[in-house]
Amino acid sequence: MATKAATGKRRMTQSEVVNHFAEKFGMKRSQAKELFDELANLASNEVTTNGEFVLPGFGKLVRSERKAREGRNPATGETIQIPAKTTLKFRVGKSMKDTVLPKK
C-alpha cells in the first residue's frame, strides 16, 4: 500500500470539503459547515436509536457488539481477557465500492 509521501497525494481537510460544498451549491461556508454538523448529529441519533444510519450512495454506519475474548499481551505473551464492548462500523455500499474499486 502506497503512503501519502510516496504518491504525492494528500487527503482533503475538513475546511476544504466545506469550501467545496459551499462553492458548489452557492452557500455560505457557515451554512455548509452547519449542514455537515447536522448530518453528524442525525447519524449519531439514528445509530443510538435504531442501531444503524444509511447514507445513500456511501454506505451505512452500524452499531456492533463484540464478544468477550482471550488475547495476548504483546510485551509479555501473557494471556489476558478482553471484555465485550460495543463498536461502530461503516459498511461501504455496493455502488460506492464498484465506483472506487472497479472490477478487473
C-alpha atoms as a PDB file:
ATOM      1  CA  MET A   1       0.000   0.000   0.000  1.00  0.00           C
ATOM      2  CA  ALA A   2       1.472   3.361  -1.022  1.00  0.00           C
ATOM      3  CA  THR A   3       1.847   6.095   1.558  1.00  0.00           C
ATOM      4  CA  LYS A   4       0.876   9.746   1.122  1.00  0.00           C
ATOM      5  CA  ALA A   5       4.541  10.729   0.747  1.00  0.00           C
ATOM      6  CA  ALA A   6       5.161   8.047  -1.885  1.00  0.00           C
ATOM      7  CA  THR A   7       2.165   9.014  -4.028  1.00  0.00           C
ATOM      8  CA  GLY A   8       2.488  12.785  -3.561  1.00  0.00           C
ATOM      9  CA  LYS A   9      -1.251  12.979  -2.740  1.00  0.00           C
ATOM     10  CA  ARG A  10      -2.918  14.184   0.411  1.00  0.00           C
ATOM     11  CA  ARG A  11      -6.424  13.941   1.760  1.00  0.00           C
ATOM     12  CA  MET A  12      -8.827  16.877   1.764  1.00  0.00           C
ATOM     13  CA  THR A  13      -9.110  18.751   5.027  1.00  0.00           C
ATOM     14  CA  GLN A  14     -12.449  19.423   6.678  1.00  0.00           C
ATOM     15  CA  SER A  15     -12.153  23.060   5.672  1.00  0.00           C
ATOM     16  CA  GLU A  16     -11.543  22.126   2.017  1.00  0.00           C
ATOM     17  CA  VAL A  17     -14.590  19.831   2.000  1.00  0.00           C
ATOM     18  CA  VAL A  18     -16.766  22.595   3.485  1.00  0.00           C
ATOM     19  CA  ASN A  19     -15.392  25.116   0.951  1.00  0.00           C
ATOM     20  CA  HIS A  20     -16.095  22.724  -1.930  1.00  0.00           C
ATOM     21  CA  PHE A  21     -19.754  22.285  -0.979  1.00  0.00           C
ATOM     22  CA  ALA A  22     -20.214  25.989  -0.210  1.00  0.00           C
ATOM     23  CA  GLU A  23     -18.923  26.914  -3.689  1.00  0.00           C
ATOM     24  CA  LYS A  24     -20.720  24.066  -5.476  1.00  0.00           C
ATOM     25  CA  PHE A  25     -24.145  24.942  -4.046  1.00  0.00           C
ATOM     26  CA  GLY A  26     -23.755  28.727  -3.629  1.00  0.00           C
ATOM     27  CA  MET A  27     -23.887  28.639   0.169  1.00  0.00           C
ATOM     28  CA  LYS A  28     -22.002  30.492   2.819  1.00  0.00           C
ATOM     29  CA  ARG A  29     -19.218  28.471   4.437  1.00  0.00           C
ATOM     30  CA  SER A  30     -21.092  28.640   7.752  1.00  0.00           C
ATOM     31  CA  GLN A  31     -24.184  27.092   6.130  1.00  0.00           C
ATOM     32  CA  ALA A  32     -22.165  24.246   4.605  1.00  0.00           C
ATOM     33  CA  LYS A  33     -20.455  23.613   7.963  1.00  0.00           C
ATOM     34  CA  GLU A  34     -23.855  23.627   9.694  1.00  0.00           C
ATOM     35  CA  LEU A  35     -25.127  21.073   7.152  1.00  0.00           C
ATOM     36  CA  PHE A  36     -22.267  18.665   7.984  1.00  0.00           C
ATOM     37  CA  ASP A  37     -22.751  19.231  11.717  1.00  0.00           C
ATOM     38  CA  GLU A  38     -26.449  18.404  11.382  1.00  0.00           C
ATOM     39  CA  LEU A  39     -25.651  15.302   9.300  1.00  0.00           C
ATOM     40  CA  ALA A  40     -23.309  14.110  12.070  1.00  0.00           C
ATOM     41  CA  ASN A  41     -25.999  14.765  14.714  1.00  0.00           C
ATOM     42  CA  LEU A  42     -28.609  12.921  12.648  1.00  0.00           C
ATOM     43  CA  ALA A  43     -26.282   9.939  12.141  1.00  0.00           C
ATOM     44  CA  SER A  44     -25.464   9.837  15.855  1.00  0.00           C
ATOM     45  CA  ASN A  45     -29.122   9.958  16.866  1.00  0.00           C
ATOM     46  CA  GLU A  46     -30.159   7.302  14.338  1.00  0.00           C
ATOM     47  CA  VAL A  47     -27.392   4.873  15.336  1.00  0.00           C
ATOM     48  CA  THR A  48     -28.262   5.401  19.011  1.00  0.00           C
ATOM     49  CA  THR A  49     -31.976   4.847  18.367  1.00  0.00           C
ATOM     50  CA  ASN A  50     -32.058   2.271  15.554  1.00  0.00           C
ATOM     51  CA  GLY A  51     -28.597   0.728  15.551  1.00  0.00           C
ATOM     52  CA  GLU A  52     -27.777   1.949  12.037  1.00  0.00           C
ATOM     53  CA  PHE A  53     -27.745   5.009   9.778  1.00  0.00           C
ATOM     54  CA  VAL A  54     -27.860   4.738   5.982  1.00  0.00           C
ATOM     55  CA  LEU A  55     -26.040   7.398   3.983  1.00  0.00           C
ATOM     56  CA  PRO A  56     -27.405   6.936   0.435  1.00  0.00           C
ATOM     57  CA  GLY A  57     -24.673   6.465  -2.139  1.00  0.00           C
ATOM     58  CA  PHE A  58     -21.981   5.781   0.502  1.00  0.00           C
ATOM     59  CA  GLY A  59     -22.997   3.015   2.876  1.00  0.00           C
ATOM     60  CA  LYS A  60     -24.185   2.740   6.432  1.00  0.00           C
ATOM     61  CA  LEU A  61     -22.994   3.174   9.997  1.00  0.00           C
ATOM     62  CA  VAL A  62     -23.839   0.153  12.118  1.00  0.00           C
ATOM     63  CA  ARG A  63     -23.587  -0.393  15.871  1.00  0.00           C
ATOM     64  CA  SER A  64     -21.894  -3.729  16.519  1.00  0.00           C
ATOM     65  CA  GLU A  65     -21.382  -5.830  19.646  1.00  0.00           C
ATOM     66  CA  ARG A  66     -18.031  -7.563  20.153  1.00  0.00           C
ATOM     67  CA  LYS A  67     -17.960 -10.664  22.330  1.00  0.00           C
ATOM     68  CA  ALA A  68     -15.512 -11.067  25.207  1.00  0.00           C
ATOM     69  CA  ARG A  69     -12.423 -12.978  24.114  1.00  0.00           C
ATOM     70  CA  GLU A  70      -8.963 -14.086  25.102  1.00  0.00           C
ATOM     71  CA  GLY A  71      -5.955 -12.180  23.846  1.00  0.00           C
ATOM     72  CA  ARG A  72      -2.248 -11.910  24.499  1.00  0.00           C
ATOM     73  CA  ASN A  73      -0.219  -9.094  25.984  1.00  0.00           C
ATOM     74  CA  PRO A  74       2.304  -8.446  23.185  1.00  0.00           C
ATOM     75  CA  ALA A  75       5.019  -7.361  25.634  1.00  0.00           C
ATOM     76  CA  THR A  76       4.871 -10.387  27.945  1.00  0.00           C
ATOM     77  CA  GLY A  77       2.971 -13.012  25.941  1.00  0.00           C
ATOM     78  CA  GLU A  78       0.651 -13.409  28.939  1.00  0.00           C
ATOM     79  CA  THR A  79      -2.958 -14.440  28.192  1.00  0.00           C
ATOM     80  CA  ILE A  80      -5.466 -11.714  29.076  1.00  0.00           C
ATOM     81  CA  GLN A  81      -9.257 -11.405  28.977  1.00  0.00           C
ATOM     82  CA  ILE A  82     -10.588  -8.743  26.614  1.00  0.00           C
ATOM     83  CA  PRO A  83     -14.064  -7.635  27.734  1.00  0.00           C
ATOM     84  CA  ALA A  84     -17.116  -7.400  25.462  1.00  0.00           C
ATOM     85  CA  LYS A  85     -17.761  -3.956  24.024  1.00  0.00           C
ATOM     86  CA  THR A  86     -19.927  -2.002  21.607  1.00  0.00           C
ATOM     87  CA  THR A  87     -18.260  -0.586  18.494  1.00  0.00           C
ATOM     88  CA  LEU A  88     -19.269   1.377  15.424  1.00  0.00           C
ATOM     89  CA  LYS A  89     -18.605   0.080  11.906  1.00  0.00           C
ATOM     90  CA  PHE A  90     -19.006   1.667   8.494  1.00  0.00           C
ATOM     91  CA  ARG A  91     -20.153  -0.689   5.763  1.00  0.00           C
ATOM     92  CA  VAL A  92     -19.393   0.672   2.309  1.00  0.00           C
ATOM     93  CA  GLY A  93     -22.278   0.425  -0.141  1.00  0.00           C
ATOM     94  CA  LYS A  94     -22.003  -1.690  -3.280  1.00  0.00           C
ATOM     95  CA  SER A  95     -22.308   1.247  -5.697  1.00  0.00           C
ATOM     96  CA  MET A  96     -19.515   3.163  -3.906  1.00  0.00           C
ATOM     97  CA  LYS A  97     -17.303   0.086  -3.790  1.00  0.00           C
ATOM     98  CA  ASP A  98     -17.861  -0.598  -7.507  1.00  0.00           C
ATOM     99  CA  THR A  99     -17.072   3.047  -8.377  1.00  0.00           C
ATOM    100  CA  VAL A 100     -13.893   3.291  -6.284  1.00  0.00           C
ATOM    101  CA  LEU A 101     -12.676  -0.269  -6.856  1.00  0.00           C
ATOM    102  CA  PRO A 102     -13.745  -1.248 -10.382  1.00  0.00           C
ATOM    103  CA  LYS A 103     -13.631  -4.931 -11.234  1.00  0.00           C
ATOM    104  CA  LYS A 104     -10.558  -6.009 -13.171  1.00  0.00           C
END
